[in-house]
C-alpha atoms as a PDB file:
ATOM      1  CA  MET A   1       5.442  24.137 -19.441  1.00  0.00           C
ATOM      2  CA  ALA A   2       4.291  20.816 -19.368  1.00  0.00           C
ATOM      3  CA  ASP A   3       1.673  19.537 -21.173  1.00  0.00           C
ATOM      4  CA  ARG A   4      -0.799  16.259 -22.194  1.00  0.00           C
ATOM      5  CA  ASP A   5       2.163  15.757 -24.851  1.00  0.00           C
ATOM      6  CA  ASP A   6       4.497  15.168 -21.974  1.00  0.00           C
ATOM      7  CA  VAL A   7       2.155  12.601 -20.526  1.00  0.00           C
ATOM      8  CA  CYS A   8       1.701   8.867 -20.926  1.00  0.00           C
ATOM      9  CA  VAL A   9      -1.273   7.456 -20.052  1.00  0.00           C
ATOM     10  CA  LEU A  10      -0.567   3.887 -18.180  1.00  0.00           C
ATOM     11  CA  LEU A  11      -3.336   1.457 -17.862  1.00  0.00           C
ATOM     12  CA  PRO A  12      -2.372  -2.084 -16.357  1.00  0.00           C
ATOM     13  CA  ALA A  13      -5.531  -4.568 -17.895  1.00  0.00           C
ATOM     14  CA  TYR A  14      -6.781  -7.767 -17.627  1.00  0.00           C
ATOM     15  CA  ASN A  15      -9.827  -9.286 -18.600  1.00  0.00           C
ATOM     16  CA  GLU A  16     -11.250  -5.679 -19.179  1.00  0.00           C
ATOM     17  CA  ALA A  17     -12.955  -6.516 -22.620  1.00  0.00           C
ATOM     18  CA  GLU A  18     -16.055  -5.634 -21.431  1.00  0.00           C
ATOM     19  CA  THR A  19     -14.457  -2.113 -20.536  1.00  0.00           C
ATOM     20  CA  ILE A  20     -11.028  -0.974 -22.020  1.00  0.00           C
ATOM     21  CA  GLU A  21     -12.271   0.605 -25.111  1.00  0.00           C
ATOM     22  CA  SER A  22     -14.333   2.969 -23.125  1.00  0.00           C
ATOM     23  CA  VAL A  23     -11.777   4.064 -20.948  1.00  0.00           C
ATOM     24  CA  ILE A  24      -9.288   4.177 -23.733  1.00  0.00           C
ATOM     25  CA  GLY A  25     -11.703   6.910 -25.622  1.00  0.00           C
ATOM     26  CA  GLY A  26     -12.329   8.376 -22.705  1.00  0.00           C
ATOM     27  CA  PHE A  27      -8.799   9.749 -22.198  1.00  0.00           C
ATOM     28  CA  ARG A  28      -8.208  10.193 -25.415  1.00  0.00           C
ATOM     29  CA  ASP A  29     -10.563  12.211 -26.081  1.00  0.00           C
ATOM     30  CA  HIS A  30      -9.695  14.878 -23.755  1.00  0.00           C
ATOM     31  CA  GLY A  31      -6.613  14.812 -25.573  1.00  0.00           C
ATOM     32  CA  PHE A  32      -4.190  12.265 -24.141  1.00  0.00           C
ATOM     33  CA  GLU A  33      -3.025  10.510 -27.984  1.00  0.00           C
ATOM     34  CA  ASN A  34       0.138   8.622 -25.439  1.00  0.00           C
ATOM     35  CA  VAL A  35      -1.926   5.712 -23.712  1.00  0.00           C
ATOM     36  CA  LEU A  36      -0.011   2.032 -22.947  1.00  0.00           C
ATOM     37  CA  VAL A  37      -1.958  -0.663 -21.672  1.00  0.00           C
ATOM     38  CA  VAL A  38      -0.739  -3.676 -19.979  1.00  0.00           C
ATOM     39  CA  ASP A  39      -1.868  -6.861 -20.611  1.00  0.00           C
ATOM     40  CA  GLY A  40      -1.231  -9.080 -18.014  1.00  0.00           C
ATOM     41  CA  GLY A  41      -2.174 -12.616 -20.257  1.00  0.00           C
ATOM     42  CA  SER A  42      -5.914 -11.728 -20.483  1.00  0.00           C
ATOM     43  CA  THR A  43      -8.175 -14.525 -21.762  1.00  0.00           C
ATOM     44  CA  ASP A  44     -10.534 -12.485 -23.014  1.00  0.00           C
ATOM     45  CA  ASP A  45     -10.527  -9.634 -25.807  1.00  0.00           C
ATOM     46  CA  THR A  46      -8.494  -6.982 -24.187  1.00  0.00           C
ATOM     47  CA  TYR A  47      -5.254  -6.969 -26.424  1.00  0.00           C
ATOM     48  CA  ASP A  48      -7.156  -6.741 -29.295  1.00  0.00           C
ATOM     49  CA  LEU A  49      -9.671  -3.941 -28.537  1.00  0.00           C
ATOM     50  CA  ALA A  50      -7.104  -1.618 -26.654  1.00  0.00           C
ATOM     51  CA  GLU A  51      -4.795  -1.895 -29.953  1.00  0.00           C
ATOM     52  CA  ARG A  52      -8.655  -0.967 -32.088  1.00  0.00           C
ATOM     53  CA  ALA A  53      -8.648   1.719 -29.793  1.00  0.00           C
ATOM     54  CA  GLY A  54      -5.425   3.473 -30.003  1.00  0.00           C
ATOM     55  CA  ALA A  55      -3.402   2.622 -27.693  1.00  0.00           C
ATOM     56  CA  ARG A  56       0.255   0.881 -27.592  1.00  0.00           C
ATOM     57  CA  VAL A  57      -0.281  -2.902 -26.015  1.00  0.00           C
ATOM     58  CA  PHE A  58       2.335  -4.946 -24.852  1.00  0.00           C
ATOM     59  CA  GLU A  59       2.012  -8.666 -22.808  1.00  0.00           C
ATOM     60  CA  GLN A  60       3.805  -7.891 -19.366  1.00  0.00           C
ATOM     61  CA  THR A  61       6.332 -10.988 -18.818  1.00  0.00           C
ATOM     62  CA  GLY A  62       5.298 -11.664 -15.567  1.00  0.00           C
ATOM     63  CA  GLU A  63       1.942 -11.669 -13.542  1.00  0.00           C
ATOM     64  CA  GLY A  64       0.238  -9.000 -11.142  1.00  0.00           C
ATOM     65  CA  LYS A  65      -0.293  -5.621 -11.664  1.00  0.00           C
ATOM     66  CA  GLY A  66       2.952  -4.699  -9.570  1.00  0.00           C
ATOM     67  CA  GLN A  67       5.048  -6.007 -11.744  1.00  0.00           C
ATOM     68  CA  ALA A  68       3.051  -4.747 -14.844  1.00  0.00           C
ATOM     69  CA  ILE A  69       3.605  -1.588 -13.578  1.00  0.00           C
ATOM     70  CA  ARG A  70       7.343  -1.493 -12.959  1.00  0.00           C
ATOM     71  CA  GLU A  71       7.682  -3.085 -16.113  1.00  0.00           C
ATOM     72  CA  ALA A  72       6.072  -0.457 -17.724  1.00  0.00           C
ATOM     73  CA  VAL A  73       7.050   2.385 -16.498  1.00  0.00           C
ATOM     74  CA  GLU A  74      11.183   0.880 -16.885  1.00  0.00           C
ATOM     75  CA  ARG A  75      11.613  -0.248 -20.334  1.00  0.00           C
ATOM     76  CA  TYR A  76       8.062   1.214 -22.247  1.00  0.00           C
ATOM     77  CA  VAL A  77       7.301   3.957 -21.125  1.00  0.00           C
ATOM     78  CA  ASP A  78       8.972   7.382 -23.242  1.00  0.00           C
ATOM     79  CA  ALA A  79       7.714  10.332 -21.597  1.00  0.00           C
ATOM     80  CA  PRO A  80       8.403  12.778 -18.847  1.00  0.00           C
ATOM     81  CA  PHE A  81       4.908  12.084 -16.924  1.00  0.00           C
ATOM     82  CA  VAL A  82       2.681   8.986 -16.243  1.00  0.00           C
ATOM     83  CA  LEU A  83      -0.956   9.002 -15.258  1.00  0.00           C
ATOM     84  CA  MET A  84      -1.886   5.715 -14.262  1.00  0.00           C
ATOM     85  CA  ALA A  85      -5.676   4.636 -14.438  1.00  0.00           C
ATOM     86  CA  ASP A  86      -7.441   1.208 -13.851  1.00  0.00           C
ATOM     87  CA  ALA A  87      -8.765  -0.049 -17.021  1.00  0.00           C
ATOM     88  CA  ASP A  88     -12.178  -0.589 -15.570  1.00  0.00           C
ATOM     89  CA  GLU A  89     -14.231   2.869 -15.723  1.00  0.00           C
ATOM     90  CA  THR A  90     -14.204   2.737 -12.392  1.00  0.00           C
ATOM     91  CA  TYR A  91     -11.797   6.334 -12.325  1.00  0.00           C
ATOM     92  CA  ARG A  92     -12.497   9.415 -14.540  1.00  0.00           C
ATOM     93  CA  ALA A  93     -11.041  10.819 -17.595  1.00  0.00           C
ATOM     94  CA  SER A  94     -11.726  14.438 -16.484  1.00  0.00           C
ATOM     95  CA  ASP A  95     -10.309  13.973 -13.507  1.00  0.00           C
ATOM     96  CA  ALA A  96      -7.172  13.739 -15.320  1.00  0.00           C
ATOM     97  CA  ASP A  97      -5.994  17.615 -15.398  1.00  0.00           C
ATOM     98  CA  ARG A  98      -6.614  17.764 -11.528  1.00  0.00           C
ATOM     99  CA  MET A  99      -4.494  14.994 -11.133  1.00  0.00           C
ATOM    100  CA  LEU A 100      -1.605  16.712 -13.197  1.00  0.00           C
ATOM    101  CA  GLU A 101      -1.740  20.035 -12.224  1.00  0.00           C
ATOM    102  CA  PRO A 102       0.252  19.880  -9.412  1.00  0.00           C
ATOM    103  CA  LEU A 103       2.897  17.595 -11.734  1.00  0.00           C
ATOM    104  CA  PHE A 104       2.952  19.925 -14.149  1.00  0.00           C
ATOM    105  CA  GLU A 105       3.383  23.586 -11.631  1.00  0.00           C
ATOM    106  CA  GLY A 106       6.188  21.502 -10.221  1.00  0.00           C
ATOM    107  CA  ARG A 107       4.589  21.661  -6.649  1.00  0.00           C
ATOM    108  CA  ALA A 108       4.246  17.489  -6.672  1.00  0.00           C
ATOM    109  CA  GLU A 109       6.574  14.753  -7.772  1.00  0.00           C
ATOM    110  CA  HIS A 110       3.417  12.223  -6.993  1.00  0.00           C
ATOM    111  CA  VAL A 111      -0.346  12.580  -6.762  1.00  0.00           C
ATOM    112  CA  ILE A 112      -2.536  10.259  -5.326  1.00  0.00           C
ATOM    113  CA  GLY A 113      -6.295  10.274  -6.509  1.00  0.00           C
ATOM    114  CA  ASP A 114      -8.611  10.520  -3.087  1.00  0.00           C
ATOM    115  CA  ARG A 115     -11.300   8.251  -4.218  1.00  0.00           C
ATOM    116  CA  PHE A 116     -13.261   9.087  -0.951  1.00  0.00           C
ATOM    117  CA  ALA A 117     -13.809  12.500  -1.857  1.00  0.00           C
ATOM    118  CA  ASP A 118     -16.287  11.738  -4.108  1.00  0.00           C
ATOM    119  CA  MET A 119     -17.263   7.785  -4.025  1.00  0.00           C
ATOM    120  CA  LYS A 120     -20.165   7.319  -5.681  1.00  0.00           C
ATOM    121  CA  PRO A 121     -22.904   4.854  -3.900  1.00  0.00           C
ATOM    122  CA  GLY A 122     -22.093   0.971  -5.265  1.00  0.00           C
ATOM    123  CA  ALA A 123     -18.417   2.128  -5.614  1.00  0.00           C
ATOM    124  CA  MET A 124     -16.923   0.154  -2.666  1.00  0.00           C
ATOM    125  CA  THR A 125     -18.476  -2.345  -0.753  1.00  0.00           C
ATOM    126  CA  ARG A 126     -18.719  -1.632   3.313  1.00  0.00           C
ATOM    127  CA  LEU A 127     -16.129  -3.993   3.524  1.00  0.00           C
ATOM    128  CA  ASN A 128     -13.401  -2.646   1.480  1.00  0.00           C
ATOM    129  CA  ARG A 129     -14.750   0.888   3.106  1.00  0.00           C
ATOM    130  CA  VAL A 130     -13.406  -0.742   6.373  1.00  0.00           C
ATOM    131  CA  GLY A 131     -10.611  -2.382   4.685  1.00  0.00           C
ATOM    132  CA  ASN A 132      -9.601   0.603   3.207  1.00  0.00           C
ATOM    133  CA  ARG A 133     -10.020   2.913   6.691  1.00  0.00           C
ATOM    134  CA  VAL A 134      -8.050   0.477   8.469  1.00  0.00           C
ATOM    135  CA  ILE A 135      -5.107   0.129   6.404  1.00  0.00           C
ATOM    136  CA  ASN A 136      -5.128   4.170   5.646  1.00  0.00           C
ATOM    137  CA  GLY A 137      -5.187   4.433   9.028  1.00  0.00           C
ATOM    138  CA  ALA A 138      -2.678   2.685  10.015  1.00  0.00           C
ATOM    139  CA  PHE A 139      -0.412   3.748   7.448  1.00  0.00           C
ATOM    140  CA  SER A 140      -0.481   6.984   8.957  1.00  0.00           C
ATOM    141  CA  PHE A 141       0.196   5.406  12.202  1.00  0.00           C
ATOM    142  CA  ILE A 142       3.491   3.701  11.033  1.00  0.00           C
ATOM    143  CA  HIS A 143       4.826   6.072   9.013  1.00  0.00           C
ATOM    144  CA  GLY A 144       3.638   9.407   9.810  1.00  0.00           C
ATOM    145  CA  HIS A 145       2.132  10.547   6.643  1.00  0.00           C
ATOM    146  CA  ASP A 146      -1.690  11.246   6.395  1.00  0.00           C
ATOM    147  CA  TYR A 147      -2.121  10.159   2.399  1.00  0.00           C
ATOM    148  CA  ALA A 148      -5.894   9.913   3.027  1.00  0.00           C
ATOM    149  CA  ASP A 149      -6.301   6.926   0.106  1.00  0.00           C
ATOM    150  CA  ILE A 150      -2.948   4.873  -0.374  1.00  0.00           C
ATOM    151  CA  LEU A 151      -4.753   2.119  -2.490  1.00  0.00           C
ATOM    152  CA  SER A 152      -6.396   4.650  -5.073  1.00  0.00           C
ATOM    153  CA  GLY A 153      -5.150   3.412  -8.313  1.00  0.00           C
ATOM    154  CA  TYR A 154      -5.539   6.388  -9.871  1.00  0.00           C
ATOM    155  CA  ARG A 155      -2.150   7.940  -9.635  1.00  0.00           C
ATOM    156  CA  ALA A 156       0.155  10.796 -11.692  1.00  0.00           C
ATOM    157  CA  PHE A 157       4.094  10.953 -11.255  1.00  0.00           C
ATOM    158  CA  THR A 158       6.916  11.801 -12.619  1.00  0.00           C
ATOM    159  CA  ARG A 159       9.070   8.640 -14.543  1.00  0.00           C
ATOM    160  CA  GLU A 160      12.062  10.148 -12.543  1.00  0.00           C
ATOM    161  CA  SER A 161      10.548  10.075  -9.040  1.00  0.00           C
ATOM    162  CA  PHE A 162       9.140   6.334  -9.689  1.00  0.00           C
ATOM    163  CA  LEU A 163      12.849   5.055 -10.929  1.00  0.00           C
ATOM    164  CA  ARG A 164      14.156   6.199  -7.443  1.00  0.00           C
ATOM    165  CA  LEU A 165      11.635   3.666  -5.507  1.00  0.00           C
ATOM    166  CA  ALA A 166      12.672   0.290  -4.567  1.00  0.00           C
ATOM    167  CA  LEU A 167       9.271  -1.207  -5.684  1.00  0.00           C
ATOM    168  CA  SER A 168       9.351  -5.286  -5.552  1.00  0.00           C
ATOM    169  CA  ALA A 169       5.623  -5.791  -4.846  1.00  0.00           C
ATOM    170  CA  GLU A 170       3.735  -8.428  -7.570  1.00  0.00           C
ATOM    171  CA  GLY A 171       0.229  -7.362  -6.828  1.00  0.00           C
ATOM    172  CA  PHE A 172      -2.489  -5.707  -5.453  1.00  0.00           C
ATOM    173  CA  GLY A 173       0.359  -4.462  -2.963  1.00  0.00           C
ATOM    174  CA  ILE A 174       1.777  -1.836  -4.965  1.00  0.00           C
ATOM    175  CA  GLU A 175      -0.082   1.494  -4.854  1.00  0.00           C
ATOM    176  CA  THR A 176       0.758   0.823  -0.602  1.00  0.00           C
ATOM    177  CA  GLU A 177       4.679   0.225  -1.187  1.00  0.00           C
ATOM    178  CA  MET A 178       4.530   3.453  -3.814  1.00  0.00           C
ATOM    179  CA  ALA A 179       3.060   5.690  -0.882  1.00  0.00           C
ATOM    180  CA  VAL A 180       5.876   3.902   1.575  1.00  0.00           C
ATOM    181  CA  GLU A 181       8.484   4.576  -0.371  1.00  0.00           C
ATOM    182  CA  CYS A 182       7.622   7.990  -1.123  1.00  0.00           C
ATOM    183  CA  VAL A 183       7.628   8.620   2.085  1.00  0.00           C
ATOM    184  CA  LYS A 184      11.377   6.861   2.665  1.00  0.00           C
ATOM    185  CA  HIS A 185      12.801   8.941  -0.368  1.00  0.00           C
ATOM    186  CA  GLY A 186      11.426  12.477   0.775  1.00  0.00           C
ATOM    187  CA  VAL A 187       9.303  12.371  -3.020  1.00  0.00           C
ATOM    188  CA  ARG A 188       6.737  15.460  -2.977  1.00  0.00           C
ATOM    189  CA  THR A 189       3.353  14.118  -2.696  1.00  0.00           C
ATOM    190  CA  VAL A 190      -0.101  15.431  -3.272  1.00  0.00           C
ATOM    191  CA  VAL A 191      -3.574  14.280  -2.832  1.00  0.00           C
ATOM    192  CA  VAL A 192      -6.092  15.681  -4.790  1.00  0.00           C
ATOM    193  CA  PRO A 193     -10.064  14.613  -4.968  1.00  0.00           C
ATOM    194  CA  ILE A 194     -11.637  12.906  -7.296  1.00  0.00           C
ATOM    195  CA  THR A 195     -14.945  10.840  -8.384  1.00  0.00           C
ATOM    196  CA  TYR A 196     -14.809   6.864  -8.223  1.00  0.00           C
ATOM    197  CA  GLU A 197     -17.287   5.113  -9.765  1.00  0.00           C
ATOM    198  CA  PRO A 198     -18.907   2.252  -9.499  1.00  0.00           C
ATOM    199  CA  ARG A 199     -17.468  -0.910 -11.100  1.00  0.00           C
ATOM    200  CA  PRO A 200     -19.711  -1.768 -14.447  1.00  0.00           C
ATOM    201  CA  ASP A 201     -21.868  -5.114 -13.623  1.00  0.00           C
ATOM    202  CA  GLU A 202     -20.556  -7.238 -16.719  1.00  0.00           C
ATOM    203  CA  SER A 203     -17.136  -6.265 -15.418  1.00  0.00           C
ATOM    204  CA  GLU A 204     -15.960  -8.708 -13.308  1.00  0.00           C
ATOM    205  CA  THR A 205     -13.269  -7.909 -10.070  1.00  0.00           C
ATOM    206  CA  ASN A 206      -9.765  -8.824  -9.759  1.00  0.00           C
ATOM    207  CA  LEU A 207      -9.623  -8.095  -6.266  1.00  0.00           C
ATOM    208  CA  ARG A 208     -10.040 -10.503  -3.625  1.00  0.00           C
ATOM    209  CA  PRO A 209     -10.552  -8.435  -0.071  1.00  0.00           C
ATOM    210  CA  VAL A 210      -9.797 -10.273   2.520  1.00  0.00           C
ATOM    211  CA  ARG A 211      -6.354 -12.223   1.168  1.00  0.00           C
ATOM    212  CA  ASP A 212      -4.997  -8.551  -0.704  1.00  0.00           C
ATOM    213  CA  GLY A 213      -6.027  -6.693   2.688  1.00  0.00           C
ATOM    214  CA  GLY A 214      -4.112  -8.953   4.507  1.00  0.00           C
ATOM    215  CA  LEU A 215      -0.759  -9.230   2.336  1.00  0.00           C
ATOM    216  CA  ILE A 216      -1.411  -5.083   1.874  1.00  0.00           C
ATOM    217  CA  LEU A 217      -1.261  -4.275   5.995  1.00  0.00           C
ATOM    218  CA  VAL A 218       1.486  -7.355   6.500  1.00  0.00           C
ATOM    219  CA  THR A 219       3.339  -5.017   3.439  1.00  0.00           C
ATOM    220  CA  LEU A 220       2.962  -1.922   5.519  1.00  0.00           C
ATOM    221  CA  TYR A 221       4.370  -3.305   8.472  1.00  0.00           C
ATOM    222  CA  ARG A 222       7.391  -5.195   7.080  1.00  0.00           C
ATOM    223  CA  MET A 223       8.403  -1.661   5.139  1.00  0.00           C
ATOM    224  CA  ALA A 224       8.328   0.041   8.280  1.00  0.00           C
ATOM    225  CA  LYS A 225      11.623  -1.771   9.574  1.00  0.00           C
ATOM    226  CA  THR A 226      13.735   0.208   7.003  1.00  0.00           C
ATOM    227  CA  ASN A 227      11.335   2.995   6.948  1.00  0.00           C
ATOM    228  CA  ASN A 228       9.939   3.752  10.584  1.00  0.00           C
ATOM    229  CA  PRO A 229      12.777   0.985  12.679  1.00  0.00           C
ATOM    230  CA  LEU A 230      11.304   2.397  16.551  1.00  0.00           C
ATOM    231  CA  PHE A 231       8.172   0.914  15.628  1.00  0.00           C
ATOM    232  CA  TYR A 232       9.164  -1.806  13.738  1.00  0.00           C
ATOM    233  CA  PHE A 233      11.273  -3.511  16.256  1.00  0.00           C
ATOM    234  CA  GLY A 234       9.620  -1.196  18.890  1.00  0.00           C
ATOM    235  CA  SER A 235       6.298  -3.069  18.891  1.00  0.00           C
ATOM    236  CA  VAL A 236       7.730  -6.367  19.035  1.00  0.00           C
ATOM    237  CA  GLY A 237      10.243  -5.514  21.691  1.00  0.00           C
ATOM    238  CA  PHE A 238       6.669  -4.020  24.043  1.00  0.00           C
ATOM    239  CA  GLY A 239       4.936  -7.390  23.222  1.00  0.00           C
ATOM    240  CA  THR A 240       8.395  -9.228  24.076  1.00  0.00           C
ATOM    241  CA  ILE A 241       8.224  -7.275  27.780  1.00  0.00           C
ATOM    242  CA  ALA A 242       4.277  -7.473  28.177  1.00  0.00           C
ATOM    243  CA  MET A 243       4.272 -11.651  27.570  1.00  0.00           C
ATOM    244  CA  GLY A 244       7.407 -11.546  30.292  1.00  0.00           C
ATOM    245  CA  VAL A 245       5.552  -9.415  32.523  1.00  0.00           C
ATOM    246  CA  THR A 246       2.689 -11.424  32.385  1.00  0.00           C
ATOM    247  CA  LEU A 247       4.349 -15.009  32.992  1.00  0.00           C
ATOM    248  CA  GLY A 248       5.994 -12.945  36.004  1.00  0.00           C
ATOM    249  CA  VAL A 249       2.548 -11.621  37.188  1.00  0.00           C
ATOM    250  CA  TYR A 250       1.564 -15.556  37.064  1.00  0.00           C
ATOM    251  CA  VAL A 251       4.555 -16.901  38.908  1.00  0.00           C
ATOM    252  CA  LEU A 252       4.451 -14.275  41.983  1.00  0.00           C
ATOM    253  CA  TYR A 253       0.418 -14.910  42.448  1.00  0.00           C
ATOM    254  CA  ASP A 254       1.215 -18.714  42.703  1.00  0.00           C
ATOM    255  CA  TRP A 255       3.452 -18.812  45.026  1.00  0.00           C
ATOM    256  CA  PHE A 256       1.985 -15.607  47.221  1.00  0.00           C
ATOM    257  CA  ALA A 257      -1.817 -17.453  47.277  1.00  0.00           C
ATOM    258  CA  ASN A 258      -1.163 -21.212  46.631  1.00  0.00           C
ATOM    259  CA  SER A 259       3.108 -21.573  47.528  1.00  0.00           C
ATOM    260  CA  ILE A 260       3.727 -23.029  44.048  1.00  0.00           C
ATOM    261  CA  SER A 261       7.261 -21.775  42.774  1.00  0.00           C
ATOM    262  CA  HIS A 262       7.297 -21.994  38.708  1.00  0.00           C
ATOM    263  CA  ASP A 263      11.132 -21.882  38.199  1.00  0.00           C
ATOM    264  CA  VAL A 264      11.064 -22.478  34.405  1.00  0.00           C
ATOM    265  CA  ILE A 265       7.591 -19.703  33.536  1.00  0.00           C
ATOM    266  CA  ALA A 266       9.806 -16.979  35.824  1.00  0.00           C
ATOM    267  CA  THR A 267      12.967 -17.825  33.439  1.00  0.00           C
ATOM    268  CA  VAL A 268      11.014 -17.547  30.529  1.00  0.00           C
ATOM    269  CA  GLY A 269       9.595 -14.499  31.414  1.00  0.00           C
ATOM    270  CA  GLY A 270      13.046 -13.226  32.732  1.00  0.00           C
ATOM    271  CA  ILE A 271      14.366 -14.105  29.186  1.00  0.00           C
ATOM    272  CA  ALA A 272      11.521 -12.326  27.084  1.00  0.00           C
ATOM    273  CA  ILE A 273      12.006  -8.763  29.393  1.00  0.00           C
ATOM    274  CA  VAL A 274      15.260  -8.444  28.925  1.00  0.00           C
ATOM    275  CA  LEU A 275      14.808  -9.225  25.289  1.00  0.00           C
ATOM    276  CA  GLY A 276      12.229  -6.998  24.404  1.00  0.00           C
ATOM    277  CA  ILE A 277      14.231  -4.115  26.743  1.00  0.00           C
ATOM    278  CA  GLN A 278      16.844  -4.946  23.569  1.00  0.00           C
ATOM    279  CA  LEU A 279      15.190  -4.688  20.802  1.00  0.00           C
ATOM    280  CA  LEU A 280      13.554  -1.546  22.061  1.00  0.00           C
ATOM    281  CA  MET A 281      17.454  -0.149  22.195  1.00  0.00           C
ATOM    282  CA  PHE A 282      17.949  -1.525  18.832  1.00  0.00           C
ATOM    283  CA  GLY A 283      15.605   0.267  17.552  1.00  0.00           C
ATOM    284  CA  VAL A 284      16.077   2.916  18.619  1.00  0.00           C
ATOM    285  CA  LEU A 285      19.470   2.714  17.608  1.00  0.00           C
ATOM    286  CA  SER A 286      18.102   1.924  14.012  1.00  0.00           C
ATOM    287  CA  ASP A 287      16.135   4.462  13.861  1.00  0.00           C
ATOM    288  CA  MET A 288      18.682   6.966  14.831  1.00  0.00           C
ATOM    289  CA  ILE A 289      20.723   6.064  11.663  1.00  0.00           C
ATOM    290  CA  VAL A 290      17.701   6.376   9.475  1.00  0.00           C
ATOM    291  CA  THR A 291      17.397   9.996  10.120  1.00  0.00           C
ATOM    292  CA  VAL A 292      21.232  10.735   9.870  1.00  0.00           C
ATOM    293  CA  ASN A 293      21.137   8.747   6.480  1.00  0.00           C
ATOM    294  CA  ARG A 294      17.846  10.781   5.038  1.00  0.00           C
ATOM    295  CA  GLU A 295      19.846  13.853   6.760  1.00  0.00           C
ATOM    296  CA  GLN A 296      22.905  12.726   4.537  1.00  0.00           C
ATOM    297  CA  THR A 297      20.752  11.893   1.837  1.00  0.00           C
ATOM    298  CA  GLN A 298      18.941  15.121   1.548  1.00  0.00           C
ATOM    299  CA  GLN A 299      22.003  17.059   1.542  1.00  0.00           C
ATOM    300  CA  LEU A 300      23.915  15.016  -1.173  1.00  0.00           C
ATOM    301  CA  GLU A 301      20.750  15.661  -3.526  1.00  0.00           C
ATOM    302  CA  ASN A 302      20.326  19.165  -2.712  1.00  0.00           C
ATOM    303  CA  ILE A 303      24.325  19.682  -3.957  1.00  0.00           C
ATOM    304  CA  ALA A 304      23.405  17.426  -6.731  1.00  0.00           C
ATOM    305  CA  SER A 305      20.554  19.790  -7.884  1.00  0.00           C
ATOM    306  CA  ARG A 306      22.663  22.976  -6.710  1.00  0.00           C
ATOM    307  CA  LEU A 307      25.583  21.368  -9.388  1.00  0.00           C
ATOM    308  CA  ASN A 308      23.399  21.041 -11.974  1.00  0.00           C
ATOM    309  CA  ASP A 309      21.718  24.724 -12.044  1.00  0.00           C
ATOM    310  CA  GLN A 310      25.450  25.741 -12.458  1.00  0.00           C
ATOM    311  CA  GLN A 311      26.502  23.668 -14.860  1.00  0.00           C
ATOM    312  CA  ARG A 312      23.248  24.778 -16.845  1.00  0.00           C
ATOM    313  CA  PRO A 313      24.336  28.842 -17.978  1.00  0.00           C
ATOM    314  CA  THR A 314      28.013  27.351 -18.104  1.00  0.00           C
ATOM    315  CA  SER A 315      26.409  25.294 -21.255  1.00  0.00           C
ATOM    316  CA  ASP A 316      23.922  28.014 -22.646  1.00  0.00           C
ATOM    317  CA  ALA A 317      26.979  30.009 -22.690  1.00  0.00           C
ATOM    318  CA  VAL A 318      29.238  27.801 -24.688  1.00  0.00           C
ATOM    319  CA  GLU A 319      26.074  26.973 -26.705  1.00  0.00           C
ATOM    320  CA  GLU A 320      25.646  30.976 -27.956  1.00  0.00           C
ATOM    321  CA  ALA A 321      29.659  30.809 -27.861  1.00  0.00           C
ATOM    322  CA  ASP A 322      29.715  28.178 -30.571  1.00  0.00           C
ATOM    323  CA  ALA A 323      27.067  29.811 -32.408  1.00  0.00           C
ATOM    324  CA  PRO A 324      28.179  31.986 -35.754  1.00  0.00           C
ATOM    325  CA  SER A 325      27.850  35.736 -35.365  1.00  0.00           C
ATOM    326  CA  PRO A 326      25.632  37.748 -37.824  1.00  0.00           C
ATOM    327  CA  GLU A 327      28.434  39.125 -39.459  1.00  0.00           C
ATOM    328  CA  ASN A 328      29.824  35.364 -40.216  1.00  0.00           C
ATOM    329  CA  ARG A 329      25.898  34.065 -40.893  1.00  0.00           C
ATOM    330  CA  GLN A 330      25.092  33.037 -45.370  1.00  0.00           C
ATOM    331  CA  ASP A 331      22.549  34.031 -46.562  1.00  0.00           C
END
């Protein structure tokens, strides 16, 4: 049975001198000795304070939260389970066991902490609440899964499942990308309720709501190209058809009402309708290909799992055969 010794607490940090020591101390007080801090080139004392608090610290080679997390898991994490949180005291170390329980029990490979389950007053502005609801609704509509809070920074996952994800986001889009990739690769994902605290007054946020929110929505739509191509190409196709129909209606109205013909506009409208229909057909075909690919991938994973299960008893039997018999043992 896995326990806290099998967990690496991962804390991406940038200019978190006001809170980094208390965050590290909180996790260590709850029995997590393996704490890894990824410093994004802080201009304050974050790096030194994190080391003083007992964490392993390294400075990322690139920029952005997404790059920091990928580099940490690929190069520095030395445990099978990762518990990821922000270093700004908004997440409670006391929720760690709840986050890790589905992993330890084998029920999930990726766990998301739902901040909206217990959000304290002042923890999130009204603008951020609206933005989060819009983004979560868009994710559920586009990708067909309701993960409640895909922007949550409190995550727990197996290192093996993380390495299966094709991640490229540099900044705050990393959480969105992880959620989409979990759907795409069939990673078993569970959502658990957590408490979300207000950020301390002396700690400054690195989030820019409007810009980062826009980038996240663009990421959701862009990733639909490979995860839900019917929506991706279908939305463009319907938009193109709607434009063509609108131009056609205008041409017909002006011709009947005023006896004015618009040959060029009519041609453009006809081309738009044909192009839209082709995009819809392409979306349907792409969706069929993606579905077949997923089924084949799942079958290959099942075969690989069965082969591994069959090899384990063989390995155990070889070890027993190689072990000296009681008669041949020397005292």
